[in-house]
């Protein structure tokens, strides 16, 4: 049995297997506001709010933005190719689950605010 935790800022993968990885996402500059859109071209990504507040933004291919106020213990599944970004409060912790091969090579990003 192993246990993993992370209490730092930003995002850190804490457990990686050959098929998936689990990370902890916490407050940082890039998660403090809607500043970038990201989409994974080959994989889903799931978010679970553990504590604090978080807003998950998604955008469809027509540019329509949806703002989802996350609730604790609900799994939010971002589909393959769906644009998304998350904004969290300073006291938030979010569990992130994605395929282990999710990487810069199969992810697109668009910066909307420097």
N, C-alpha and C. Protein backbone atom coordinates (compact mmCIF):
# COMPACT_ATOMS: atom_id res chain seq x y z
N UNK A 1 0.85 -1.17 0.00
CA UNK A 1 0.00 0.00 0.00
C UNK A 1 0.89 1.23 0.00
N UNK A 2 0.56 2.18 -0.87
CA UNK A 2 1.27 3.45 -0.93
C UNK A 2 0.27 4.58 -0.77
N UNK A 3 0.71 5.69 -0.26
CA UNK A 3 -0.12 6.89 -0.19
C UNK A 3 0.64 8.04 -0.82
N UNK A 4 -0.11 9.00 -1.34
CA UNK A 4 0.48 10.14 -2.03
C UNK A 4 -0.28 11.39 -1.62
N UNK A 5 0.44 12.48 -1.50
CA UNK A 5 -0.20 13.76 -1.20
C UNK A 5 0.62 14.87 -1.83
N UNK A 6 0.03 16.04 -1.90
CA UNK A 6 0.73 17.21 -2.43
C UNK A 6 0.08 18.44 -1.82
N UNK A 7 0.87 19.28 -1.20
CA UNK A 7 0.33 20.49 -0.57
C UNK A 7 0.93 21.77 -1.15
N UNK A 8 1.65 21.64 -2.26
CA UNK A 8 2.25 22.81 -2.90
C UNK A 8 1.27 23.54 -3.80
N UNK A 9 1.79 24.44 -4.60
CA UNK A 9 0.98 25.22 -5.54
C UNK A 9 0.98 24.57 -6.92
N UNK A 10 0.01 24.96 -7.76
CA UNK A 10 -0.07 24.56 -9.15
C UNK A 10 -0.52 23.10 -9.27
N UNK A 11 0.03 22.36 -10.20
CA UNK A 11 -0.38 20.98 -10.47
C UNK A 11 0.81 20.06 -10.34
N UNK A 12 0.58 18.90 -9.75
CA UNK A 12 1.62 17.88 -9.68
C UNK A 12 0.99 16.50 -9.82
N UNK A 13 1.52 15.70 -10.75
CA UNK A 13 1.10 14.30 -10.85
C UNK A 13 1.73 13.56 -9.67
N UNK A 14 0.90 12.88 -8.88
CA UNK A 14 1.39 12.20 -7.69
C UNK A 14 1.45 10.69 -7.85
N UNK A 15 0.74 10.16 -8.83
CA UNK A 15 0.75 8.72 -9.09
C UNK A 15 0.62 8.49 -10.59
N UNK A 16 1.59 7.78 -11.15
CA UNK A 16 1.56 7.47 -12.58
C UNK A 16 1.70 5.97 -12.77
N UNK A 17 0.84 5.41 -13.62
CA UNK A 17 0.95 4.01 -13.99
C UNK A 17 1.17 3.97 -15.50
N UNK A 18 1.20 2.78 -16.07
CA UNK A 18 1.37 2.69 -17.52
C UNK A 18 0.13 3.15 -18.29
N UNK A 19 -1.02 3.24 -17.62
CA UNK A 19 -2.26 3.62 -18.30
C UNK A 19 -2.83 4.98 -17.89
N UNK A 20 -2.65 5.40 -16.64
CA UNK A 20 -3.26 6.64 -16.18
C UNK A 20 -2.39 7.31 -15.13
N UNK A 21 -2.74 8.58 -14.87
CA UNK A 21 -2.06 9.32 -13.81
C UNK A 21 -3.07 10.12 -13.01
N UNK A 22 -2.74 10.30 -11.75
CA UNK A 22 -3.57 11.10 -10.85
C UNK A 22 -2.73 12.26 -10.36
N UNK A 23 -3.31 13.43 -10.41
CA UNK A 23 -2.61 14.62 -9.96
C UNK A 23 -3.43 15.42 -8.98
N UNK A 24 -2.76 16.31 -8.30
CA UNK A 24 -3.39 17.26 -7.40
C UNK A 24 -3.19 18.65 -7.98
N UNK A 25 -4.27 19.39 -8.10
CA UNK A 25 -4.24 20.76 -8.63
C UNK A 25 -4.61 21.70 -7.49
N UNK A 26 -3.78 22.72 -7.30
CA UNK A 26 -4.02 23.71 -6.26
C UNK A 26 -3.80 25.10 -6.84
N UNK A 27 -4.10 26.10 -6.08
CA UNK A 27 -4.02 27.48 -6.54
C UNK A 27 -2.61 27.83 -7.02
N UNK A 28 -2.55 28.56 -8.10
CA UNK A 28 -1.33 29.17 -8.61
C UNK A 28 -1.76 30.28 -9.56
N UNK A 29 -0.81 31.02 -10.07
CA UNK A 29 -1.13 32.12 -10.99
C UNK A 29 -1.92 31.62 -12.19
N UNK A 30 -1.54 30.50 -12.78
CA UNK A 30 -2.24 30.03 -13.99
C UNK A 30 -3.64 29.50 -13.71
N UNK A 31 -3.94 29.15 -12.46
CA UNK A 31 -5.28 28.70 -12.11
C UNK A 31 -6.06 29.74 -11.31
N UNK A 32 -5.59 30.99 -11.35
CA UNK A 32 -6.24 32.08 -10.61
C UNK A 32 -7.26 32.84 -11.46
N UNK A 33 -7.21 32.63 -12.78
CA UNK A 33 -8.12 33.35 -13.69
C UNK A 33 -8.18 32.59 -15.01
N UNK A 34 -9.15 32.93 -15.83
CA UNK A 34 -9.28 32.33 -17.15
C UNK A 34 -8.24 32.97 -18.06
N UNK A 35 -7.15 32.26 -18.31
CA UNK A 35 -6.03 32.84 -19.06
C UNK A 35 -5.54 31.96 -20.21
N UNK A 36 -6.01 30.73 -20.26
CA UNK A 36 -5.57 29.82 -21.32
C UNK A 36 -6.65 28.77 -21.57
N UNK A 37 -6.80 28.39 -22.82
CA UNK A 37 -7.66 27.27 -23.18
C UNK A 37 -6.76 26.10 -23.52
N UNK A 38 -7.16 24.91 -23.13
CA UNK A 38 -6.38 23.71 -23.38
C UNK A 38 -7.34 22.61 -23.82
N UNK A 39 -6.84 21.75 -24.73
CA UNK A 39 -7.62 20.57 -25.09
C UNK A 39 -6.66 19.42 -25.38
N UNK A 40 -7.10 18.23 -24.97
CA UNK A 40 -6.32 17.02 -25.18
C UNK A 40 -6.93 16.30 -26.38
N UNK A 41 -6.12 16.04 -27.38
CA UNK A 41 -6.61 15.53 -28.65
C UNK A 41 -6.87 14.02 -28.65
N UNK A 42 -6.37 13.31 -27.63
CA UNK A 42 -6.52 11.85 -27.62
C UNK A 42 -7.12 11.30 -26.33
N UNK A 43 -7.33 12.14 -25.33
CA UNK A 43 -7.71 11.63 -24.02
C UNK A 43 -8.76 12.49 -23.33
N UNK A 44 -9.50 11.86 -22.45
CA UNK A 44 -10.38 12.56 -21.52
C UNK A 44 -9.54 13.10 -20.38
N UNK A 45 -10.14 13.99 -19.59
CA UNK A 45 -9.53 14.44 -18.35
C UNK A 45 -10.66 14.62 -17.35
N UNK A 46 -10.48 14.11 -16.14
CA UNK A 46 -11.52 14.19 -15.12
C UNK A 46 -11.03 15.04 -13.95
N UNK A 47 -11.95 15.85 -13.42
CA UNK A 47 -11.67 16.72 -12.28
C UNK A 47 -12.64 16.41 -11.15
N UNK A 48 -12.14 16.39 -9.91
CA UNK A 48 -12.99 16.22 -8.73
C UNK A 48 -12.56 17.26 -7.70
N UNK A 49 -13.47 18.15 -7.35
CA UNK A 49 -13.20 19.15 -6.33
C UNK A 49 -13.23 18.48 -4.96
N UNK A 50 -12.12 18.59 -4.24
CA UNK A 50 -12.04 18.01 -2.90
C UNK A 50 -12.36 19.04 -1.82
N UNK A 51 -11.87 20.27 -1.98
CA UNK A 51 -12.19 21.34 -1.03
C UNK A 51 -11.97 22.69 -1.70
N UNK A 52 -12.54 23.73 -1.10
CA UNK A 52 -12.44 25.07 -1.67
C UNK A 52 -13.48 25.27 -2.76
N UNK A 53 -13.20 26.23 -3.62
CA UNK A 53 -14.10 26.56 -4.72
C UNK A 53 -13.36 26.46 -6.04
N UNK A 54 -14.08 26.06 -7.08
CA UNK A 54 -13.48 25.96 -8.41
C UNK A 54 -14.56 26.18 -9.47
N UNK A 55 -14.13 26.79 -10.56
CA UNK A 55 -14.99 26.98 -11.72
C UNK A 55 -14.30 26.31 -12.90
N UNK A 56 -15.01 25.40 -13.56
CA UNK A 56 -14.50 24.73 -14.74
C UNK A 56 -15.14 25.39 -15.96
N UNK A 57 -14.30 25.90 -16.83
CA UNK A 57 -14.78 26.54 -18.06
C UNK A 57 -14.58 25.56 -19.21
N UNK A 58 -15.59 25.47 -20.08
CA UNK A 58 -15.47 24.70 -21.31
C UNK A 58 -15.92 25.58 -22.47
N UNK A 59 -15.41 25.28 -23.64
CA UNK A 59 -15.77 26.06 -24.83
C UNK A 59 -15.99 25.10 -25.97
N UNK A 60 -17.13 25.26 -26.68
CA UNK A 60 -17.40 24.39 -27.82
C UNK A 60 -16.77 24.95 -29.08
N UNK A 61 -16.92 24.24 -30.18
CA UNK A 61 -16.29 24.65 -31.44
C UNK A 61 -16.88 25.92 -32.04
N UNK A 62 -18.05 26.34 -31.55
CA UNK A 62 -18.66 27.60 -32.00
C UNK A 62 -18.22 28.77 -31.13
N UNK A 63 -17.39 28.52 -30.13
CA UNK A 63 -16.91 29.59 -29.26
C UNK A 63 -17.79 29.87 -28.06
N UNK A 64 -18.83 29.06 -27.86
CA UNK A 64 -19.72 29.24 -26.71
C UNK A 64 -19.05 28.72 -25.44
N UNK A 65 -18.97 29.59 -24.44
CA UNK A 65 -18.30 29.25 -23.19
C UNK A 65 -19.33 28.86 -22.14
N UNK A 66 -19.06 27.76 -21.44
CA UNK A 66 -19.88 27.32 -20.32
C UNK A 66 -19.05 27.44 -19.05
N UNK A 67 -19.65 28.02 -18.04
CA UNK A 67 -18.99 28.21 -16.75
C UNK A 67 -19.67 27.30 -15.73
N UNK A 68 -18.94 26.33 -15.20
CA UNK A 68 -19.52 25.35 -14.29
C UNK A 68 -18.94 25.55 -12.90
N UNK A 69 -19.81 25.93 -11.96
CA UNK A 69 -19.38 26.03 -10.56
C UNK A 69 -19.30 24.61 -10.02
N UNK A 70 -18.10 24.15 -9.76
CA UNK A 70 -17.91 22.77 -9.34
C UNK A 70 -18.42 22.54 -7.93
N UNK A 71 -18.91 21.34 -7.70
CA UNK A 71 -19.37 20.91 -6.38
C UNK A 71 -18.45 19.80 -5.90
N UNK A 72 -18.20 19.72 -4.60
CA UNK A 72 -17.32 18.68 -4.08
C UNK A 72 -17.85 17.27 -4.39
N UNK A 73 -16.92 16.36 -4.63
CA UNK A 73 -17.18 14.93 -4.80
C UNK A 73 -17.98 14.58 -6.06
N UNK A 74 -18.04 15.50 -7.03
CA UNK A 74 -18.67 15.22 -8.32
C UNK A 74 -17.55 15.05 -9.34
N UNK A 75 -17.64 14.03 -10.20
CA UNK A 75 -16.64 13.83 -11.24
C UNK A 75 -17.06 14.62 -12.48
N UNK A 76 -16.20 15.52 -12.91
CA UNK A 76 -16.42 16.32 -14.12
C UNK A 76 -15.50 15.77 -15.20
N UNK A 77 -16.09 15.19 -16.24
CA UNK A 77 -15.35 14.54 -17.32
C UNK A 77 -15.28 15.47 -18.52
N UNK A 78 -14.08 15.90 -18.88
CA UNK A 78 -13.87 16.72 -20.06
C UNK A 78 -13.58 15.78 -21.22
N UNK A 79 -14.40 15.87 -22.26
CA UNK A 79 -14.29 14.97 -23.41
C UNK A 79 -13.01 15.21 -24.22
N UNK A 80 -12.65 14.22 -24.99
CA UNK A 80 -11.53 14.34 -25.92
C UNK A 80 -11.78 15.55 -26.83
N UNK A 81 -10.79 16.42 -26.95
CA UNK A 81 -10.88 17.57 -27.85
C UNK A 81 -11.68 18.75 -27.33
N UNK A 82 -12.19 18.67 -26.11
CA UNK A 82 -12.99 19.77 -25.55
C UNK A 82 -12.08 20.81 -24.90
N UNK A 83 -12.21 22.07 -25.33
CA UNK A 83 -11.44 23.16 -24.75
C UNK A 83 -11.88 23.36 -23.31
N UNK A 84 -10.92 23.58 -22.41
CA UNK A 84 -11.26 23.74 -20.99
C UNK A 84 -10.17 24.50 -20.24
N UNK A 85 -10.55 25.02 -19.10
CA UNK A 85 -9.62 25.64 -18.14
C UNK A 85 -10.32 25.65 -16.79
N UNK A 86 -9.54 25.58 -15.74
CA UNK A 86 -10.10 25.59 -14.39
C UNK A 86 -9.51 26.75 -13.61
N UNK A 87 -10.36 27.40 -12.83
CA UNK A 87 -9.96 28.49 -11.94
C UNK A 87 -10.34 28.08 -10.53
N UNK A 88 -9.38 28.18 -9.60
CA UNK A 88 -9.62 27.70 -8.25
C UNK A 88 -9.34 28.78 -7.21
N UNK A 89 -9.98 28.64 -6.06
CA UNK A 89 -9.74 29.54 -4.94
C UNK A 89 -8.41 29.18 -4.27
N UNK A 90 -7.92 30.08 -3.45
CA UNK A 90 -6.62 29.88 -2.80
C UNK A 90 -6.60 28.66 -1.89
N UNK A 91 -7.78 28.25 -1.39
CA UNK A 91 -7.84 27.09 -0.50
C UNK A 91 -8.32 25.82 -1.19
N UNK A 92 -8.38 25.83 -2.51
CA UNK A 92 -8.93 24.69 -3.26
C UNK A 92 -7.91 23.57 -3.45
N UNK A 93 -8.44 22.36 -3.51
CA UNK A 93 -7.69 21.19 -3.93
C UNK A 93 -8.57 20.40 -4.88
N UNK A 94 -8.03 20.09 -6.06
CA UNK A 94 -8.77 19.37 -7.09
C UNK A 94 -7.97 18.13 -7.48
N UNK A 95 -8.65 16.99 -7.51
CA UNK A 95 -8.06 15.75 -7.99
C UNK A 95 -8.21 15.72 -9.50
N UNK A 96 -7.15 15.37 -10.21
CA UNK A 96 -7.17 15.32 -11.68
C UNK A 96 -6.75 13.92 -12.11
N UNK A 97 -7.54 13.32 -13.00
CA UNK A 97 -7.23 11.99 -13.52
C UNK A 97 -7.21 12.07 -15.04
N UNK A 98 -6.12 11.53 -15.62
CA UNK A 98 -6.00 11.52 -17.08
C UNK A 98 -5.12 10.35 -17.50
N UNK A 99 -5.13 10.05 -18.80
CA UNK A 99 -4.27 8.99 -19.30
C UNK A 99 -2.81 9.34 -19.06
N UNK A 100 -1.99 8.34 -18.84
CA UNK A 100 -0.58 8.59 -18.57
C UNK A 100 0.15 9.17 -19.77
N UNK A 101 -0.38 8.95 -20.97
CA UNK A 101 0.29 9.49 -22.16
C UNK A 101 -0.23 10.86 -22.59
N UNK A 102 -1.01 11.51 -21.75
CA UNK A 102 -1.43 12.89 -22.04
C UNK A 102 -0.18 13.77 -21.90
N UNK A 103 0.11 14.52 -22.96
CA UNK A 103 1.37 15.27 -22.98
C UNK A 103 1.25 16.51 -23.86
N UNK A 104 2.34 17.26 -23.94
CA UNK A 104 2.40 18.43 -24.82
C UNK A 104 2.21 18.03 -26.28
N UNK A 105 2.63 16.83 -26.63
CA UNK A 105 2.54 16.37 -28.01
C UNK A 105 1.10 16.13 -28.47
N UNK A 106 0.18 15.83 -27.55
CA UNK A 106 -1.21 15.60 -27.95
C UNK A 106 -2.17 16.57 -27.25
N UNK A 107 -1.64 17.74 -26.90
CA UNK A 107 -2.43 18.79 -26.26
C UNK A 107 -2.21 20.10 -26.99
N UNK A 108 -3.30 20.83 -27.19
CA UNK A 108 -3.21 22.17 -27.78
C UNK A 108 -3.55 23.19 -26.72
N UNK A 109 -2.88 24.34 -26.76
CA UNK A 109 -3.15 25.44 -25.83
C UNK A 109 -3.26 26.73 -26.59
N UNK A 110 -4.18 27.58 -26.12
CA UNK A 110 -4.33 28.92 -26.65
C UNK A 110 -4.31 29.88 -25.46
N UNK A 111 -3.30 30.74 -25.41
CA UNK A 111 -3.22 31.72 -24.34
C UNK A 111 -4.11 32.89 -24.68
N UNK A 112 -4.99 33.25 -23.74
CA UNK A 112 -5.94 34.34 -24.00
C UNK A 112 -5.64 35.56 -23.14
N UNK A 113 -4.68 35.45 -22.22
CA UNK A 113 -4.36 36.56 -21.33
C UNK A 113 -2.96 36.34 -20.80
N UNK A 114 -2.11 37.32 -20.96
CA UNK A 114 -0.75 37.18 -20.42
C UNK A 114 -0.75 37.65 -19.04
